[in-house]
Protein backbone atom coordinates (compact mmCIF):
# COMPACT_ATOMS: atom_id res chain seq x y z
CA UNK A 1 -0.28 -12.02 -1.39
CA UNK A 2 -0.02 -15.97 -1.99
CA UNK A 3 2.60 -17.57 -3.95
CA UNK A 4 5.31 -14.78 -3.56
CA UNK A 5 8.99 -14.83 -2.45
CA UNK A 6 9.95 -18.47 -1.02
CA UNK A 7 7.44 -19.73 -2.89
CA UNK A 8 8.08 -21.87 -5.85
CA UNK A 9 8.93 -19.56 -8.45
CA UNK A 10 12.77 -19.24 -8.36
CA UNK A 11 12.38 -15.65 -10.45
CA UNK A 12 9.88 -13.77 -7.53
CA UNK A 13 11.49 -11.77 -5.37
CA UNK A 14 10.65 -8.69 -3.45
CA UNK A 15 12.41 -5.66 -1.46
CA UNK A 16 11.22 -3.30 0.76
CA UNK A 17 13.83 0.13 1.52
CA UNK A 18 13.51 2.38 4.07
CA UNK A 19 15.44 6.08 3.10
CA UNK A 20 15.44 8.76 5.64
CA UNK A 21 15.80 12.40 4.91
CA UNK A 22 13.62 13.11 1.83
CA UNK A 23 10.78 14.36 4.06
CA UNK A 24 9.23 14.85 7.50
CA UNK A 25 8.73 10.52 7.42
CA UNK A 26 10.51 7.56 5.88
CA UNK A 27 9.98 7.10 2.59
CA UNK A 28 8.78 3.45 1.72
CA UNK A 29 10.21 1.52 -1.80
CA UNK A 30 9.26 -1.62 -3.13
CA UNK A 31 10.99 -4.09 -5.78
CA UNK A 32 8.94 -7.19 -6.82
CA UNK A 33 9.43 -9.31 -9.61
CA UNK A 34 5.79 -11.67 -9.19
CA UNK A 35 5.07 -14.58 -11.24
CA UNK A 36 1.92 -15.76 -9.71
CA UNK A 37 -0.31 -14.62 -6.59
CA UNK A 38 -2.43 -11.57 -6.41
CA UNK A 39 -2.51 -8.91 -3.16
CA UNK A 40 -5.56 -8.71 -1.41
CA UNK A 41 -7.84 -5.80 -1.46
CA UNK A 42 -5.75 -3.11 0.66
CA UNK A 43 -5.36 0.32 0.99
CA UNK A 44 -1.90 2.63 1.44
CA UNK A 45 -1.98 6.01 4.28
CA UNK A 46 0.62 7.29 1.71
CA UNK A 47 0.29 7.63 -2.47
CA UNK A 48 0.98 4.25 -4.29
CA UNK A 49 3.16 5.58 -7.14
CA UNK A 50 4.65 2.47 -9.62
CA UNK A 51 6.38 1.83 -12.61
CA UNK A 52 5.89 -1.62 -14.66
CA UNK A 53 9.00 -2.59 -15.36
CA UNK A 54 8.54 -6.22 -16.83
CA UNK A 55 5.44 -8.16 -18.46
CA UNK A 56 1.61 -6.71 -17.53
CA UNK A 57 -0.20 -6.26 -14.10
CA UNK A 58 -3.57 -6.06 -13.56
CA UNK A 59 -5.33 -3.70 -10.63
CA UNK A 60 -8.63 -4.05 -9.77
CA UNK A 61 -9.93 -0.44 -8.99
CA UNK A 62 -12.78 1.65 -8.23
CA UNK A 63 -14.68 -1.93 -9.40
CA UNK A 64 -12.83 -1.97 -12.74
CA UNK A 65 -9.77 -3.67 -14.01
CA UNK A 66 -6.99 -1.78 -15.23
CA UNK A 67 -3.94 -3.06 -17.06
CA UNK A 68 -0.73 -1.45 -17.23
CA UNK A 69 3.31 -2.87 -18.77
CA UNK A 70 6.32 -0.92 -19.04
CA UNK A 71 5.91 2.95 -20.34
CA UNK A 72 3.25 3.72 -17.79
CA UNK A 73 3.09 5.26 -14.42
CA UNK A 74 0.38 3.70 -11.75
CA UNK A 75 -0.94 6.43 -9.02
CA UNK A 76 -3.18 4.90 -6.14
CA UNK A 77 -4.04 7.85 -3.94
CA UNK A 78 -4.06 7.17 0.12
CA UNK A 79 -7.51 5.29 1.62
CA UNK A 80 -8.35 3.54 -1.97
CA UNK A 81 -9.01 0.11 -2.31
CA UNK A 82 -6.95 -1.81 -4.65
CA UNK A 83 -5.53 -4.82 -5.65
CA UNK A 84 -3.27 -5.98 -8.28
CA UNK A 85 -1.38 -8.85 -9.77
CA UNK A 86 0.23 -10.43 -12.94
CA UNK A 87 -2.04 -10.59 -15.62
CA UNK A 88 -0.69 -14.04 -17.51
CA UNK A 89 1.78 -16.33 -16.41
CA UNK A 90 4.60 -14.61 -17.36
CA UNK A 91 3.93 -12.64 -14.31
CA UNK A 92 5.68 -8.18 -14.07
CA UNK A 93 8.23 -6.74 -12.16
CA UNK A 94 7.50 -3.27 -11.08
CA UNK A 95 9.16 -0.31 -9.07
CA UNK A 96 6.60 1.58 -6.40
CA UNK A 97 7.03 4.40 -4.20
CA UNK A 98 5.27 5.62 -1.20
CA UNK A 99 5.89 9.23 -0.53
CA UNK A 100 3.42 10.97 2.29
CA UNK A 101 1.35 14.14 0.84
CA UNK A 102 3.95 16.25 2.36
CA UNK A 103 6.17 15.36 -0.08
CA UNK A 104 4.48 17.07 -3.03
CA UNK A 105 4.92 20.35 -4.36
CA UNK A 106 0.98 21.45 -3.80
CA UNK A 107 -1.16 19.83 -0.62
CA UNK A 108 -2.89 16.63 -1.19
CA UNK A 109 -2.89 16.34 -5.37
CA UNK A 110 -5.61 14.56 -7.29
CA UNK A 111 -5.36 12.38 -10.17
CA UNK A 112 -8.44 11.43 -12.16
CA UNK A 113 -6.88 8.21 -13.65
CA UNK A 114 -5.01 5.23 -12.22
CA UNK A 115 -2.72 4.51 -15.09
CA UNK A 116 -0.80 7.20 -17.52
CA UNK A 117 0.66 6.29 -20.56
CA UNK A 118 3.75 8.28 -20.38
CA UNK A 119 7.20 6.47 -20.68
CA UNK A 120 9.64 9.57 -20.18
CA UNK A 121 8.03 9.79 -16.22
CA UNK A 122 8.23 6.00 -15.83
CA UNK A 123 12.40 6.25 -16.69
CA UNK A 124 12.67 8.88 -14.79
CA UNK A 125 10.69 7.35 -11.63
CA UNK A 126 12.55 4.39 -11.61
CA UNK A 127 15.75 6.07 -12.09
CA UNK A 128 15.03 8.02 -8.71
CA UNK A 129 13.59 4.71 -7.44
CA UNK A 130 16.87 2.88 -8.45
CA UNK A 131 19.05 6.13 -6.80
CA UNK A 132 17.06 5.95 -3.38
CA UNK A 133 17.51 2.49 -3.38
CA UNK A 134 21.06 2.14 -3.76
CA UNK A 135 22.16 4.98 -1.42
CA UNK A 136 23.38 7.42 -3.98
CA UNK A 137 24.59 10.94 -2.61
CA UNK A 138 21.61 12.47 -1.08
CA UNK A 139 21.60 15.27 -2.60
CA UNK A 140 20.82 13.67 -5.95
CA UNK A 141 18.43 11.21 -4.77
CA UNK A 142 15.99 13.58 -2.97
CA UNK A 143 16.59 16.02 -6.38
CA UNK A 144 15.60 13.27 -8.58
CA UNK A 145 12.59 12.30 -6.36
CA UNK A 146 11.13 15.81 -6.37
CA UNK A 147 11.85 16.59 -9.77
CA UNK A 148 9.54 13.34 -10.52
CA UNK A 149 6.98 14.19 -8.12
CA UNK A 150 6.76 17.38 -9.15
CA UNK A 151 6.74 16.15 -13.44
CA UNK A 152 3.69 13.84 -12.06
CA UNK A 153 1.54 16.82 -10.40
CA UNK A 154 2.34 18.83 -13.28
CA UNK A 155 1.62 16.53 -16.02
CA UNK A 156 -1.59 13.69 -14.39
CA UNK A 157 -2.61 15.89 -11.48
CA UNK A 158 -6.23 17.87 -12.05
CA UNK A 159 -8.28 20.81 -9.38
CA UNK A 160 -10.25 18.01 -7.17
CA UNK A 161 -14.10 18.33 -7.99
CA UNK A 162 -15.16 15.22 -6.86
CA UNK A 163 -18.65 15.81 -4.91
CA UNK A 164 -18.58 15.44 -1.53
CA UNK A 165 -21.61 13.01 -0.61
CA UNK A 166 -22.22 12.20 3.02
CA UNK A 167 -23.91 8.36 1.93
CA UNK A 168 -24.93 6.23 4.81
CA UNK A 169 -22.17 3.69 3.62
CA UNK A 170 -19.66 6.15 4.34
CA UNK A 171 -21.13 7.11 7.76
CA UNK A 172 -21.10 3.18 8.73
CA UNK A 173 -17.67 2.52 7.68
CA UNK A 174 -16.23 5.91 9.45
CA UNK A 175 -18.13 4.42 12.55
CA UNK A 176 -16.78 1.04 12.25
CA UNK A 177 -13.40 1.88 11.32
CA UNK A 178 -12.86 4.24 14.78
CA UNK A 179 -14.49 1.36 17.02
CA UNK A 180 -11.64 -0.84 15.83
CA UNK A 181 -8.84 0.72 15.40
CA UNK A 182 -9.38 1.61 19.17
CA UNK A 183 -9.68 -1.66 20.21
CA UNK A 184 -7.46 -3.10 17.57
CA UNK A 185 -6.30 -5.89 20.09
CA UNK A 186 -9.60 -7.32 21.00
CA UNK A 187 -11.79 -6.31 18.61
CA UNK A 188 -15.96 -6.06 18.90
CA UNK A 189 -17.93 -8.96 17.62
CA UNK A 190 -19.83 -7.98 14.53
CA UNK A 191 -23.11 -8.40 16.48
CA UNK A 192 -22.02 -5.79 19.17
CA UNK A 193 -21.07 -3.44 16.56
CA UNK A 194 -24.38 -3.78 14.90
CA UNK A 195 -26.34 -3.17 18.44
CA UNK A 196 -24.38 -0.10 19.15
CA UNK A 197 -25.12 1.35 16.11
CA UNK A 198 -28.83 0.29 15.76
CA UNK A 199 -27.94 -1.89 12.32
CA UNK A 200 -27.97 -5.20 11.39
CA UNK A 201 -25.27 -7.02 10.90
CA UNK A 202 -26.05 -7.05 6.92
CA UNK A 203 -26.46 -3.46 6.95
CA UNK A 204 -22.90 -2.98 8.90
CA UNK A 205 -20.94 -5.28 6.26
CA UNK A 206 -22.80 -3.97 3.29
CA UNK A 207 -22.36 -0.16 3.83
CA UNK A 208 -18.39 -1.06 4.82
CA UNK A 209 -17.40 -3.12 2.11
CA UNK A 210 -19.73 -0.37 -0.43
CA UNK A 211 -17.15 2.47 1.03
CA UNK A 212 -14.31 0.62 1.46
CA UNK A 213 -14.15 -2.16 -0.71
CA UNK A 214 -13.35 -4.88 1.78
CA UNK A 215 -15.18 -6.08 4.81
CA UNK A 216 -14.51 -5.05 8.38
CA UNK A 217 -12.56 -7.96 9.12
CA UNK A 218 -10.06 -7.48 6.47
CA UNK A 219 -9.75 -3.82 7.24
CA UNK A 220 -8.73 -5.05 10.80
CA UNK A 221 -5.96 -6.87 9.45
CA UNK A 222 -4.83 -4.44 7.71
CA UNK A 223 -4.36 -1.75 10.57
CA UNK A 224 -2.93 -4.48 12.28
CA UNK A 225 -0.26 -4.73 9.42
CA UNK A 226 0.20 -1.44 9.73
CA UNK A 227 1.23 -0.72 13.55
CA UNK A 228 3.60 -4.02 13.29
CA UNK A 229 5.02 -2.49 10.89
CA UNK A 230 6.03 0.98 13.13
CA UNK A 231 7.00 -1.83 15.77
CA UNK A 232 9.24 -4.02 13.48
CA UNK A 233 10.75 -0.92 12.16
CA UNK A 234 11.82 0.20 15.38
CA UNK A 235 13.60 -3.76 16.15
CA UNK A 236 11.04 -5.56 17.21
CA UNK A 237 10.77 -9.44 16.57
CA UNK A 238 7.56 -10.98 15.02
CA UNK A 239 7.44 -13.10 17.72
CA UNK A 240 7.03 -10.07 20.08
CA UNK A 241 4.69 -7.95 17.54
CA UNK A 242 1.81 -10.37 16.38
CA UNK A 243 0.16 -10.27 19.88
CA UNK A 244 0.36 -6.99 20.33
CA UNK A 245 -1.43 -5.75 17.13
CA UNK A 246 -4.19 -8.51 17.89
CA UNK A 247 -2.65 -11.00 15.43
CA UNK A 248 -3.42 -15.15 17.08
CA UNK A 249 -0.04 -16.14 16.34
CA UNK A 250 3.08 -15.22 14.61
CA UNK A 251 2.03 -17.39 11.49
CA UNK A 252 -1.56 -15.47 11.49
CA UNK A 253 0.47 -12.24 10.71
CA UNK A 254 3.03 -13.60 8.32
CA UNK A 255 0.21 -14.74 6.15
CA UNK A 256 -1.61 -11.42 6.13
CA UNK A 257 1.99 -9.75 5.54
CA UNK A 258 2.44 -11.28 2.87
CA UNK A 259 -1.19 -10.71 1.34
CA UNK A 260 -0.72 -7.13 1.68
CA UNK A 261 2.76 -6.02 1.80
CA UNK A 262 4.46 -8.78 -0.55
CA UNK A 263 6.90 -10.14 1.70
CA UNK A 264 7.02 -11.95 5.63
CA UNK A 265 7.41 -9.63 9.11
CA UNK A 266 10.96 -10.82 9.22
CA UNK A 267 11.94 -9.95 6.05
CA UNK A 268 10.49 -6.58 6.26
CA UNK A 269 11.94 -5.92 10.16
CA UNK A 270 15.55 -6.38 8.35
CA UNK A 271 14.71 -4.23 5.53
CA UNK A 272 13.76 -1.35 7.20
CA UNK A 273 14.75 -1.05 11.06
CA UNK A 274 16.72 1.33 12.87
CA UNK A 275 15.47 3.85 9.84
CA UNK A 276 19.52 4.04 8.93
CA UNK A 277 18.61 4.90 5.41
CA UNK A 278 18.75 2.01 2.64
CA UNK A 279 19.53 -1.38 3.59
């Protein structure tokens, strides 16, 4: 993301919090006030569930623009490319949580829409988010979270009747992602990938973009950010991590961190390292 914390707008801020003890995996939470700039197109391995608290946010999702303000709840499913930013000059503020599938009351709920008008649920989500970030009594915080996720599924999830279509672009993307994941530190060139798949470079890029909503290099940068987050949370310094995950240098890693998660690697490390509860 560009023009975020550390920029020129004094009202901007972004805070990550990691909480243990609410499931099999740590739960990440994000709170931000954004005056300008947009996140890069990106994906999450978990659900992204948020509530706008001020202003209006615009999200590009599945080829369309979606606008949300206070009283709405947004749900981005795992693996869905999207980007977002302020819809106007006044910016926006929001709270987001990233629960794994295992935290839901049933396996992999499907949400047919991105934005839901539900002011009551938005207030409940904000209350649960605040309780978790403050480090309230663990039983209270987890109860609030469980109630919010159960209500979200009950009110807005639907049976998943999406057709399962094995298209060429999806198959190409899966092969490319597997190759890049395996060689994340020293990835092959586009020409090498295309030659190994028996395709042209144009076919590789087009198929990947159609399936993932971004070119291969952007997806690779995000996977590097994801790996870097694990290492930073374990206490390693940004200067150590950058080369370990394949970034050219720390500045390169910092640029992508800000574009994808809204804070610098150092800020993220200080927020979540040691997994010692909310920080």
